[in-house]
Protein backbone atom coordinates (compact mmCIF):
# COMPACT_ATOMS: atom_id res chain seq x y z
CA MET A 1 0.00 0.04 0.09
CA ASN A 2 1.37 3.40 -1.02
CA ALA A 3 1.71 6.25 1.28
CA LEU A 4 -1.88 7.62 0.93
CA GLY A 5 -3.66 4.30 0.20
CA LEU A 6 -6.15 3.01 -2.09
CA THR A 7 -9.80 2.07 -1.82
CA ARG A 8 -9.98 -1.70 -1.63
CA PHE A 9 -12.58 -4.30 -1.32
CA LYS A 10 -11.05 -7.66 -0.67
CA ARG A 11 -13.27 -10.64 -1.21
CA LEU A 12 -12.43 -14.24 -0.53
CA ALA A 13 -13.85 -16.95 -2.51
CA MET A 14 -13.52 -19.58 -0.04
CA PRO A 15 -15.60 -19.97 3.21
CA ALA A 16 -14.54 -17.67 5.91
CA ALA A 17 -13.22 -20.38 8.15
CA CYS A 18 -10.95 -22.01 5.51
CA ALA A 19 -9.72 -18.44 5.06
CA GLY A 20 -8.91 -17.86 8.47
CA LEU A 21 -7.00 -21.01 8.69
CA LEU A 22 -5.11 -20.38 5.44
CA ALA A 23 -4.24 -16.99 6.40
CA ALA A 24 -2.93 -18.01 9.85
CA ALA A 25 -0.78 -20.77 8.09
CA LEU A 26 0.78 -18.61 5.58
CA GLY A 27 1.22 -15.68 8.19
CA ALA A 28 -0.95 -13.44 6.01
CA ALA A 29 -2.30 -10.20 7.50
CA PRO A 30 -5.89 -10.06 8.17
CA VAL A 31 -8.50 -8.93 5.76
CA GLN A 32 -8.53 -5.10 5.27
CA ALA A 33 -11.78 -3.13 5.61
CA ALA A 34 -13.15 -1.01 3.07
CA GLU A 35 -11.35 2.54 3.31
CA LEU A 36 -12.00 5.78 1.11
CA LYS A 37 -9.40 8.19 0.66
CA ILE A 38 -10.46 11.95 -0.13
CA GLY A 39 -8.21 14.69 -1.13
CA LEU A 40 -9.64 17.97 0.33
CA ALA A 41 -9.30 21.26 -1.71
CA ALA A 42 -9.33 23.21 1.61
CA GLU A 43 -8.64 22.30 5.06
CA PRO A 44 -11.48 22.77 7.71
CA THR A 45 -10.38 25.23 10.37
CA ALA A 46 -11.68 23.03 13.36
CA MET A 47 -13.68 19.82 13.98
CA ASP A 48 -15.85 22.21 16.23
CA PRO A 49 -19.28 22.05 14.43
CA HIS A 50 -20.28 25.64 15.69
CA TYR A 51 -16.81 27.42 15.35
CA HIS A 52 -16.55 28.81 11.64
CA LEU A 53 -19.50 29.27 9.21
CA PHE A 54 -17.21 27.86 6.32
CA THR A 55 -18.30 25.35 3.97
CA PRO A 56 -14.97 22.94 4.34
CA ASN A 57 -16.14 23.03 8.13
CA ILE A 58 -19.69 22.26 7.81
CA SER A 59 -19.04 19.63 4.98
CA LEU A 60 -16.61 17.90 7.59
CA ALA A 61 -19.19 18.46 10.58
CA ASN A 62 -22.15 16.80 8.69
CA HIS A 63 -20.15 13.39 8.88
CA ILE A 64 -20.26 13.22 12.66
CA TYR A 65 -23.21 15.58 13.67
CA GLU A 66 -26.51 16.07 12.25
CA PRO A 67 -29.07 18.74 12.44
CA LEU A 68 -32.87 18.69 13.05
CA VAL A 69 -33.61 19.39 9.33
CA MET A 70 -31.11 18.06 6.44
CA LYS A 71 -30.70 19.44 2.89
CA ASN A 72 -30.74 17.24 -0.05
CA PRO A 73 -28.17 18.02 -2.80
CA ASP A 74 -30.82 20.48 -4.69
CA PHE A 75 -31.43 22.16 -1.26
CA SER A 76 -34.64 20.80 -0.78
CA MET A 77 -35.41 19.84 2.72
CA HIS A 78 -35.89 16.54 4.59
CA PRO A 79 -36.19 15.44 8.31
CA GLY A 80 -33.02 14.94 10.16
CA LEU A 81 -32.90 14.39 13.77
CA ALA A 82 -36.46 15.70 13.76
CA GLU A 83 -38.70 13.16 12.20
CA SER A 84 -41.26 16.00 11.57
CA TYR A 85 -41.66 19.85 11.94
CA ARG A 86 -44.43 22.25 11.39
CA ALA A 87 -45.18 25.98 11.81
CA ILE A 88 -47.83 26.22 14.60
CA ASN A 89 -48.10 29.81 13.86
CA PRO A 90 -45.98 32.59 12.03
CA THR A 91 -43.67 32.76 15.07
CA THR A 92 -43.89 29.33 16.48
CA TRP A 93 -42.41 25.97 15.20
CA GLU A 94 -42.85 22.51 16.42
CA PHE A 95 -40.20 19.82 16.01
CA LYS A 96 -40.93 16.18 16.83
CA LEU A 97 -37.58 14.30 17.30
CA ARG A 98 -36.56 10.81 16.45
CA LYS A 99 -36.64 8.20 19.22
CA ASN A 100 -33.99 5.39 19.61
CA VAL A 101 -31.27 7.63 18.26
CA LYS A 102 -27.99 7.24 20.05
CA PHE A 103 -24.89 9.55 20.11
CA HIS A 104 -21.46 8.04 19.51
CA ASP A 105 -20.88 7.58 23.23
CA GLY A 106 -23.94 5.37 23.72
CA THR A 107 -26.14 8.22 25.35
CA ALA A 108 -29.59 8.67 24.04
CA PHE A 109 -30.50 11.63 21.95
CA ASP A 110 -33.40 13.81 23.32
CA ALA A 111 -34.28 17.43 23.44
CA ASN A 112 -31.87 18.47 26.12
CA ASP A 113 -29.08 17.92 23.41
CA VAL A 114 -30.89 20.27 21.13
CA LEU A 115 -31.39 22.84 23.93
CA PHE A 116 -27.67 22.55 24.91
CA THR A 117 -26.66 22.84 21.21
CA PHE A 118 -28.62 26.07 20.49
CA CYS A 119 -27.27 27.58 23.89
CA ARG A 120 -23.53 26.70 23.06
CA VAL A 121 -23.55 28.40 19.41
CA PRO A 122 -23.15 32.02 20.67
CA THR A 123 -20.64 31.21 23.31
CA VAL A 124 -17.76 30.09 20.85
CA PRO A 125 -14.83 32.15 21.22
CA ASN A 126 -12.85 33.76 18.37
CA SER A 127 -15.14 32.52 15.70
CA PRO A 128 -14.04 33.79 12.00
CA SER A 129 -17.59 33.79 10.77
CA PRO A 130 -20.09 32.76 13.77
CA PHE A 131 -23.32 30.51 13.36
CA THR A 132 -25.32 33.35 15.32
CA LEU A 133 -26.30 34.39 11.90
CA TYR A 134 -28.49 31.38 11.98
CA THR A 135 -29.70 31.68 15.45
CA LYS A 136 -30.50 35.46 16.34
CA ALA A 137 -34.04 34.95 15.19
CA ILE A 138 -34.86 32.63 18.16
CA LYS A 139 -36.62 34.31 21.01
CA GLU A 140 -37.65 31.16 22.91
CA MET A 141 -36.80 27.61 22.92
CA GLU A 142 -38.46 25.01 25.26
CA ALA A 143 -38.95 21.25 25.56
CA PRO A 144 -42.42 20.26 26.88
CA ASP A 145 -41.31 16.53 26.55
CA PRO A 146 -38.11 14.65 25.76
CA TYR A 147 -39.02 14.18 22.15
CA THR A 148 -40.54 17.79 21.26
CA VAL A 149 -38.78 21.09 20.81
CA ILE A 150 -40.79 24.36 20.44
CA ILE A 151 -38.92 27.35 18.71
CA LYS A 152 -40.45 30.78 18.90
CA THR A 153 -38.87 33.76 16.96
CA VAL A 154 -39.24 37.36 17.38
CA GLU A 155 -40.99 37.92 14.23
CA PRO A 156 -42.42 35.56 11.48
CA TYR A 157 -39.29 33.81 10.24
CA PRO A 158 -40.01 31.19 7.21
CA LEU A 159 -36.39 30.20 6.81
CA LEU A 160 -36.02 28.75 10.19
CA PRO A 161 -35.92 25.01 9.15
CA ASN A 162 -33.43 26.03 6.23
CA GLU A 163 -31.00 27.82 8.58
CA ILE A 164 -31.03 25.14 11.44
CA SER A 165 -29.93 22.81 9.06
CA SER A 166 -26.19 24.10 9.36
CA ILE A 167 -26.46 23.42 13.15
CA GLY A 168 -25.06 19.98 14.24
CA ILE A 169 -26.37 18.69 17.22
CA ILE A 170 -24.00 17.98 19.99
CA SER A 171 -24.41 15.57 23.03
CA ASP A 172 -25.03 17.03 26.74
CA SER A 173 -22.91 14.34 28.03
CA ILE A 174 -20.24 16.72 27.22
CA ILE A 175 -21.70 18.45 30.44
CA ASP A 176 -22.82 15.40 32.12
CA GLY A 177 -26.42 15.57 31.01
CA GLU A 178 -26.98 18.68 33.07
CA LYS A 179 -30.61 20.01 32.08
CA VAL A 180 -30.48 23.23 30.14
CA HIS A 181 -32.78 26.10 29.82
CA PHE A 182 -32.59 28.37 26.86
CA SER A 183 -32.28 32.05 27.21
CA GLU A 184 -32.40 34.59 24.68
CA SER A 185 -29.86 36.71 26.68
CA GLY A 186 -27.43 33.97 27.24
CA CYS A 187 -27.86 30.38 28.87
CA LYS A 188 -26.31 29.52 32.20
CA ILE A 189 -24.85 26.27 33.06
CA SER A 190 -22.76 24.89 35.94
CA HIS A 191 -20.22 23.24 33.82
CA LYS A 192 -17.70 24.83 31.55
CA TRP A 193 -18.66 25.24 27.94
CA PRO A 194 -16.91 23.13 25.54
CA SER A 195 -14.11 24.67 23.85
CA THR A 196 -13.06 24.38 19.94
CA ALA A 197 -9.92 22.66 21.43
CA ASP A 198 -12.14 19.95 23.27
CA PHE A 199 -13.65 19.28 19.61
CA ASN A 200 -10.28 19.20 17.86
CA SER A 201 -8.84 16.58 20.26
CA GLY A 202 -12.16 14.39 19.95
CA LYS A 203 -12.85 14.71 23.69
CA ALA A 204 -16.19 16.65 22.79
CA SER A 205 -16.54 15.24 19.26
CA ILE A 206 -19.54 13.17 20.03
CA GLY A 207 -22.52 13.16 17.50
CA THR A 208 -25.15 11.00 16.17
CA GLY A 209 -23.76 10.97 12.29
CA PRO A 210 -22.89 8.16 10.06
CA PHE A 211 -19.28 8.42 11.07
CA LYS A 212 -17.33 8.95 14.51
CA PHE A 213 -14.19 11.09 15.30
CA GLY A 214 -11.20 9.00 14.55
CA GLN A 215 -8.09 11.68 14.17
CA PHE A 216 -7.50 15.33 13.64
CA VAL A 217 -3.94 16.19 12.52
CA LYS A 218 -4.21 19.73 11.45
CA GLY A 219 -2.29 20.02 8.06
CA ASP A 220 -2.06 16.22 7.37
CA ARG A 221 -5.25 13.97 7.86
CA ILE A 222 -8.72 13.71 9.21
CA VAL A 223 -9.66 10.09 10.14
CA LEU A 224 -13.41 9.06 10.49
CA LYS A 225 -14.85 5.72 11.57
CA ARG A 226 -18.04 4.14 10.42
CA ASN A 227 -20.83 4.52 13.24
CA ASP A 228 -22.11 0.90 13.32
CA ALA A 229 -25.06 1.90 15.67
CA TYR A 230 -26.17 4.69 13.16
CA TRP A 231 -29.91 4.93 12.95
CA GLY A 232 -29.94 5.54 9.26
CA LYS A 233 -28.41 3.93 6.33
CA LYS A 234 -25.07 2.55 7.26
CA PRO A 235 -22.08 4.05 5.07
CA THR A 236 -20.06 1.74 2.68
CA TRP A 237 -16.80 2.57 4.22
CA ASP A 238 -15.34 1.33 7.70
CA GLN A 239 -12.98 4.21 7.41
CA VAL A 240 -12.51 7.43 5.78
CA VAL A 241 -9.27 9.49 5.65
CA MET A 242 -9.36 12.97 4.42
CA ARG A 243 -6.24 14.72 3.29
CA PRO A 244 -5.98 18.43 2.93
CA ILE A 245 -4.22 18.92 -0.49
CA THR A 246 -4.66 22.37 -1.08
CA ASN A 247 -2.50 22.64 -4.13
CA PRO A 248 -4.51 21.92 -6.97
CA GLY A 249 -1.99 20.23 -9.26
CA SER A 250 -1.04 17.96 -6.24
CA ARG A 251 -4.50 17.08 -5.71
CA VAL A 252 -5.09 15.78 -9.21
CA ALA A 253 -1.50 14.06 -9.33
CA ALA A 254 -2.64 12.19 -6.09
CA LEU A 255 -5.57 10.86 -7.91
CA LEU A 256 -3.88 9.94 -11.03
CA ALA A 257 -1.34 8.10 -9.04
CA GLY A 258 -3.89 6.30 -7.02
CA ASP A 259 -2.96 7.68 -3.88
CA VAL A 260 -6.48 8.99 -3.14
CA ASP A 261 -9.72 7.84 -4.61
CA PHE A 262 -11.77 10.93 -4.79
CA ILE A 263 -11.04 14.79 -4.88
CA GLU A 264 -12.68 17.94 -4.78
CA ARG A 265 -12.15 20.59 -7.46
CA PRO A 266 -9.95 19.22 -9.94
CA THR A 267 -8.22 22.04 -11.78
CA THR A 268 -10.11 23.01 -15.04
CA GLN A 269 -6.93 22.56 -17.12
CA ASP A 270 -6.91 18.89 -15.85
CA ILE A 271 -10.55 17.97 -16.25
CA PRO A 272 -10.06 17.07 -19.89
CA ARG A 273 -7.25 14.55 -19.31
CA ILE A 274 -9.14 13.08 -16.22
CA LYS A 275 -12.19 12.54 -18.51
CA ALA A 276 -9.90 10.95 -21.13
CA ASP A 277 -8.80 8.32 -18.61
CA SER A 278 -11.15 5.58 -18.49
CA ARG A 279 -9.91 5.05 -14.83
CA PHE A 280 -11.78 8.15 -13.54
CA ARG A 281 -14.79 10.08 -14.04
CA ILE A 282 -16.07 13.69 -13.47
CA GLU A 283 -19.10 14.85 -11.58
CA GLY A 284 -20.13 18.76 -11.28
CA ALA A 285 -23.05 21.10 -10.54
CA VAL A 286 -23.87 24.64 -10.50
CA SER A 287 -23.12 25.78 -7.07
CA THR A 288 -24.39 28.37 -4.63
CA ARG A 289 -20.96 29.57 -4.53
CA THR A 290 -20.34 33.04 -5.68
CA VAL A 291 -16.58 34.45 -6.10
CA PHE A 292 -16.61 38.26 -5.50
CA LEU A 293 -14.48 41.15 -4.39
CA VAL A 294 -14.94 42.95 -1.34
CA MET A 295 -13.83 46.74 -0.82
CA ASP A 296 -13.12 48.26 2.52
CA GLN A 297 -15.65 51.13 3.13
CA SER A 298 -15.29 51.63 6.64
CA SER A 299 -13.32 54.74 6.57
CA ASP A 300 -12.73 58.00 4.59
CA LYS A 301 -8.97 57.57 4.68
CA ALA A 302 -7.44 54.95 2.11
CA PRO A 303 -7.59 51.46 3.77
CA PRO A 304 -4.37 49.29 3.75
CA GLY A 305 -3.08 48.48 0.41
CA VAL A 306 -4.72 51.44 -1.32
CA LYS A 307 -2.72 54.48 -2.50
CA THR A 308 -4.46 57.56 -3.63
CA ALA A 309 -3.03 60.95 -4.49
CA ASP A 310 -5.37 62.77 -1.86
CA GLY A 311 -5.20 60.03 0.67
CA LYS A 312 -8.88 59.27 0.75
CA ASN A 313 -10.75 56.13 0.48
CA PRO A 314 -11.82 55.75 -3.22
CA PHE A 315 -14.16 52.79 -2.43
CA LYS A 316 -16.53 55.06 -0.65
CA ASP A 317 -17.63 56.53 -3.98
CA VAL A 318 -20.36 54.21 -5.93
CA ARG A 319 -18.93 55.48 -8.92
CA VAL A 320 -15.56 53.85 -8.27
CA ARG A 321 -17.14 50.62 -7.24
CA LYS A 322 -19.13 50.59 -10.40
CA ALA A 323 -16.15 51.42 -12.50
CA LEU A 324 -14.07 48.39 -11.08
CA SER A 325 -17.01 46.17 -11.84
CA MET A 326 -17.29 47.56 -15.55
CA ALA A 327 -13.48 46.94 -15.63
CA ILE A 328 -13.96 43.22 -15.37
CA ASP A 329 -14.61 41.14 -18.39
CA ARG A 330 -16.61 38.10 -16.74
CA ARG A 331 -16.88 36.06 -19.67
CA ALA A 332 -13.24 35.91 -20.23
CA ILE A 333 -12.59 34.69 -16.81
CA VAL A 334 -15.08 31.92 -17.41
CA ASP A 335 -13.88 30.75 -20.65
CA ARG A 336 -10.03 31.26 -20.48
CA ILE A 337 -9.32 30.74 -16.55
CA MET A 338 -12.24 28.69 -15.45
CA GLY A 339 -12.36 26.58 -18.31
CA GLY A 340 -15.76 26.69 -18.54
CA PHE A 341 -16.65 25.39 -15.02
CA ALA A 342 -18.15 28.60 -13.86
CA LYS A 343 -21.16 31.21 -14.97
CA PRO A 344 -20.62 35.05 -15.21
CA ALA A 345 -22.34 36.64 -12.43
CA GLN A 346 -25.37 38.91 -12.45
CA GLN A 347 -25.93 39.38 -8.46
CA LEU A 348 -24.77 37.35 -5.36
CA MET A 349 -26.56 34.27 -6.57
CA SER A 350 -27.30 32.60 -9.76
CA LYS A 351 -30.71 32.96 -11.30
CA GLU A 352 -31.99 29.61 -10.59
CA PHE A 353 -31.82 30.01 -6.88
CA PHE A 354 -34.71 31.34 -4.71
CA GLY A 355 -35.01 35.34 -4.30
CA THR A 356 -32.64 36.27 -7.12
CA ASP A 357 -33.87 39.11 -9.48
CA THR A 358 -33.95 37.16 -12.80
CA SER A 359 -34.34 40.42 -14.74
CA LEU A 360 -30.55 41.19 -14.31
CA PRO A 361 -28.20 40.82 -16.90
CA VAL A 362 -24.68 39.65 -16.60
CA LEU A 363 -22.54 42.39 -15.26
CA ALA A 364 -21.35 44.40 -18.41
CA THR A 365 -17.57 45.18 -19.27
CA ASN A 366 -17.17 48.64 -20.25
CA VAL A 367 -13.68 50.01 -20.24
CA ALA A 368 -14.47 53.57 -21.61
CA GLU A 369 -17.32 54.22 -19.11
CA ALA A 370 -15.24 52.86 -16.15
CA LYS A 371 -12.60 55.44 -17.08
CA LYS A 372 -15.21 58.02 -17.41
CA LEU A 373 -16.72 57.15 -13.82
CA LEU A 374 -13.08 57.36 -12.40
CA ALA A 375 -12.57 60.64 -13.61
CA GLU A 376 -15.95 61.81 -12.61
CA ALA A 377 -15.15 60.44 -9.04
CA GLY A 378 -11.86 62.34 -9.08
CA TYR A 379 -9.29 59.78 -10.24
CA PRO A 380 -8.77 60.44 -13.91
CA ASP A 381 -5.14 58.95 -13.31
CA GLY A 382 -6.60 56.38 -11.35
CA PHE A 383 -4.92 54.94 -8.03
CA GLU A 384 -2.96 51.95 -6.70
CA ILE A 385 -4.21 49.12 -4.94
CA THR A 386 -3.24 45.65 -3.61
CA LEU A 387 -5.73 42.83 -4.24
CA ALA A 388 -5.36 40.12 -1.72
CA THR A 389 -6.53 36.47 -2.36
CA PRO A 390 -6.19 32.91 -0.94
CA ASN A 391 -4.50 30.75 -3.45
CA ASP A 392 -5.80 27.34 -2.35
CA ARG A 393 -9.70 28.11 -1.54
CA TYR A 394 -11.40 28.45 -4.91
CA ILE A 395 -11.04 27.16 -8.34
CA ASN A 396 -8.12 28.84 -9.89
CA ASP A 397 -8.57 31.68 -7.19
CA ALA A 398 -5.14 33.35 -7.60
CA GLN A 399 -5.27 33.20 -11.34
CA VAL A 400 -8.65 34.87 -11.27
CA ALA A 401 -7.15 37.76 -9.06
CA GLN A 402 -4.23 38.15 -11.55
CA ALA A 403 -6.76 38.35 -14.43
CA VAL A 404 -8.63 41.01 -12.40
CA ALA A 405 -5.44 42.93 -11.76
CA GLN A 406 -4.77 43.11 -15.56
CA MET A 407 -8.23 44.41 -16.28
CA PHE A 408 -7.97 47.06 -13.61
CA ALA A 409 -4.98 48.33 -14.94
CA LYS A 410 -6.60 48.92 -18.52
CA VAL A 411 -8.70 51.56 -16.77
CA GLY A 412 -5.61 53.25 -15.17
CA ILE A 413 -5.82 51.19 -11.77
CA LYS A 414 -2.27 49.78 -10.84
CA THR A 415 -3.03 46.57 -9.08
CA GLY A 416 -0.64 44.24 -7.21
CA VAL A 417 -1.73 40.66 -6.11
CA ASP A 418 -0.90 39.37 -2.69
CA ALA A 419 -1.89 35.74 -2.84
CA MET A 420 -1.61 33.38 0.06
CA THR A 421 -2.93 30.34 1.84
CA ALA A 422 -6.58 30.37 2.97
CA SER A 423 -5.42 29.90 6.61
CA SER A 424 -3.35 32.89 6.53
CA PHE A 425 -5.86 34.79 4.52
CA LEU A 426 -8.48 34.22 6.95
CA SER A 427 -6.26 35.16 9.78
CA ARG A 428 -5.35 38.54 8.05
CA ARG A 429 -8.68 39.29 7.04
CA ALA A 430 -9.87 39.24 10.69
CA LYS A 431 -7.29 41.99 11.43
CA HIS A 432 -8.69 44.00 8.54
CA ASP A 433 -5.53 43.92 6.81
CA PHE A 434 -6.89 44.19 3.33
CA GLY A 435 -8.13 47.19 1.40
CA ILE A 436 -9.59 44.97 -1.21
CA TYR A 437 -9.79 41.13 -1.71
CA LEU A 438 -11.18 38.30 -3.34
CA PHE A 439 -13.31 35.72 -1.58
CA GLY A 440 -16.53 33.63 -2.05
CA TRP A 441 -19.54 32.75 -0.18
CA GLY A 442 -21.77 29.59 -0.50
CA ALA A 443 -25.34 30.05 0.48
CA GLN A 444 -26.30 27.59 2.99
CA THR A 445 -29.65 27.98 2.77
CA GLY A 446 -29.92 28.03 -1.05
CA GLU A 447 -31.69 31.36 -1.33
CA MET A 448 -30.76 35.10 -2.00
CA SER A 449 -31.26 36.04 1.89
CA SER A 450 -28.04 34.35 3.05
CA PRO A 451 -25.40 36.40 0.84
CA LEU A 452 -27.31 39.34 1.57
CA ARG A 453 -27.69 38.92 5.37
CA GLY A 454 -23.96 37.67 5.60
CA LEU A 455 -21.97 39.99 3.15
CA VAL A 456 -23.88 43.26 2.73
CA ALA A 457 -26.39 43.75 5.43
CA THR A 458 -25.36 46.35 7.87
CA ILE A 459 -23.36 44.74 10.65
CA ASN A 460 -26.00 44.03 13.58
CA LYS A 461 -24.89 41.64 16.02
CA THR A 462 -28.29 41.16 17.65
CA ARG A 463 -29.64 39.93 14.37
CA GLY A 464 -26.51 38.15 13.51
CA TRP A 465 -26.43 40.05 10.35
CA GLY A 466 -23.38 41.32 8.41
CA SER A 467 -21.27 38.39 10.01
CA SER A 468 -18.79 38.63 6.92
CA ASN A 469 -19.19 42.08 5.89
CA TYR A 470 -15.71 43.12 6.49
CA GLY A 471 -16.05 45.84 4.06
CA LYS A 472 -18.67 47.38 6.23
CA PHE A 473 -21.02 48.37 3.60
CA SER A 474 -24.07 49.90 4.81
CA ASP A 475 -27.55 51.00 3.15
CA ALA A 476 -30.65 51.48 5.10
CA THR A 477 -33.01 50.95 2.08
CA LEU A 478 -31.30 47.64 1.36
CA ASP A 479 -31.52 46.32 5.11
CA SER A 480 -35.27 47.61 5.31
CA THR A 481 -36.09 45.49 2.19
CA LEU A 482 -34.17 42.61 3.49
CA GLU A 483 -35.92 43.04 7.03
CA LYS A 484 -39.33 42.72 5.32
CA ALA A 485 -38.33 39.70 3.44
CA MET A 486 -37.31 37.98 6.26
CA GLU A 487 -40.65 38.74 8.36
CA THR A 488 -42.85 37.49 5.08
CA VAL A 489 -44.01 33.87 5.38
CA ASP A 490 -45.60 34.01 1.86
CA ASP A 491 -43.04 32.45 -0.50
CA ASN A 492 -43.86 34.64 -3.48
CA GLN A 493 -43.92 38.09 -1.56
CA ARG A 494 -40.60 37.12 0.12
CA ARG A 495 -39.16 35.99 -3.38
CA THR A 496 -40.13 39.53 -4.64
CA LEU A 497 -38.67 41.43 -1.82
CA LEU A 498 -35.21 39.42 -1.72
CA ALA A 499 -35.14 40.07 -5.69
CA GLN A 500 -35.60 44.06 -4.77
CA ALA A 501 -32.85 43.84 -2.31
CA SER A 502 -30.58 41.87 -4.52
CA LYS A 503 -31.10 44.61 -7.13
CA ARG A 504 -30.38 47.44 -4.65
CA SER A 505 -26.99 45.80 -3.92
CA MET A 506 -26.01 45.66 -7.43
CA GLU A 507 -27.22 49.45 -8.10
CA LEU A 508 -24.67 50.20 -5.18
CA MET A 509 -22.37 47.64 -6.11
CA ALA A 510 -22.03 46.74 -2.27
CA VAL A 511 -19.49 43.88 -3.40
CA ILE A 512 -18.24 43.12 -6.80
CA PRO A 513 -19.63 39.50 -8.05
CA LEU A 514 -17.28 37.66 -10.38
CA HIS A 515 -18.77 34.33 -11.00
CA TYR A 516 -20.43 31.36 -9.75
CA GLU A 517 -18.36 28.24 -9.47
CA VAL A 518 -19.48 25.14 -11.27
CA THR A 519 -18.03 22.80 -8.67
CA PRO A 520 -16.49 19.61 -10.00
CA TRP A 521 -15.46 16.33 -8.15
CA ALA A 522 -13.12 13.67 -9.69
CA MET A 523 -12.86 10.21 -8.77
CA LYS A 524 -12.35 6.52 -9.57
CA SER A 525 -14.57 5.22 -12.22
CA SER A 526 -15.50 2.58 -9.87
CA LEU A 527 -17.14 5.11 -7.78
CA ASN A 528 -20.50 6.97 -7.80
CA TYR A 529 -21.33 10.45 -6.23
CA LYS A 530 -24.28 12.76 -7.07
CA ALA A 531 -22.87 16.40 -7.13
CA ARG A 532 -24.31 19.06 -4.78
CA ALA A 533 -25.15 22.55 -5.13
CA ASP A 534 -23.92 23.31 -1.49
CA GLU A 535 -20.53 21.97 -2.56
CA PHE A 536 -20.45 19.29 0.22
CA THR A 537 -18.58 16.24 0.25
CA LYS A 538 -20.44 13.56 1.92
CA ALA A 539 -18.35 10.54 2.21
CA GLU A 540 -21.48 8.34 2.98
CA ASP A 541 -22.70 9.40 -0.49
CA VAL A 542 -19.63 8.03 -2.36
CA THR A 543 -20.54 4.61 -3.09
CA PRO A 544 -19.09 1.83 -5.10
CA LYS A 545 -20.91 1.07 -8.63
């Protein structure tokens, strides 16, 4: 077996008893269990399911922890740890919990685990992007019996089931089964809240999911073990080994060499040769992932990495933000850099998803108009910027940033690119080191309110809005429209309001959307996987043909 290993199924043609005798006689190794090796495109930042609202983290957490409501690959919902749920009235939801579900430590799942989980979410320290975005609407939570949870929201909140689908339930055995009482102002328990380090070590990594925690070695591997007591369909694999191989070329090379069985996001340059090799196959789907540019609009002074003749912040002027957008040739990026595995952006989500403005065209390229707007804004000779980007997080992210830099140069904006690993990027972004940067957002709810609330809504810690609004954009009209949408139970009315808010964000160019990723997976031809719009890699859904 090589360093990274192969998926193997060993079948013996003889009866098991004879096989055992023969193996003993020959001194052979015992039969090896089924193992799946996955090459990850981005490393999860923690095993803590509530630490970081980040697709790699949620994707990993879903193997160990389960939410009350689960998402299908197309973002439709189905029961999870709640066997049923319903809205009793516009502000009250009832969740009936599954019985006879066990956590990995053998303790029984019940309503107290749910209360403990939701109480724990706002206590996680140093979260780069907190899950409170999805819990702030909850006013009350109670358990009238061990298998019923009642959730009351401050206002009508139709997206509650969608949003809590990202919150994995943890075991109250971590706090010795202490009874928990939910409080909007903060729950109080006698035990110490579990830390992120407790989850990383495995001490607190106790879920109900199809896999158990095996090992977490940052920068090297994540090992998951099959949960043989799982309440649902048992996974094929006895063990799953996930290795972060953030260099895309190395990731593809690992697949071609047989070191891994399945990889995320093969490079667009390598997809043709993978397809041409009968040993492998590609699956792909348009995702909710939008790649965009964020501009620091927090101060009148030029932010880090931005140099202007007058020392002012050019991004405060909507004409400058629109000029930057007009300088970008999105179709060229999609065709030449993304190899067709993307769609040019019109707004913060692709039109096929709920709440988008279907009338918006692809954002236009117009170099002459961009120069005119810059001159009107007081920058006829442009200015200088450094565009920050991760180089291992999104498909061809650093190459996209380089292309954008060249396009900006054509309108007089001298642009350097500062590319770095995602871990370095996230650390520096938290310190507001960047005046302008490239990043992405995957809408976990599968509809427009997710990027609007997370990226461009005015920062509001009470609501949990603006959790990733590092540019500190703010617009009262957009906020008001979004607020109305989030209080509207009727789907058609809510869709209209979200579309209005989306259009407003583009009129003001709150952030600059570039493209929507078409997420590819590559795997051995002996494997099946249904591509997901949420970009999650779920080992239990990888099956032998």
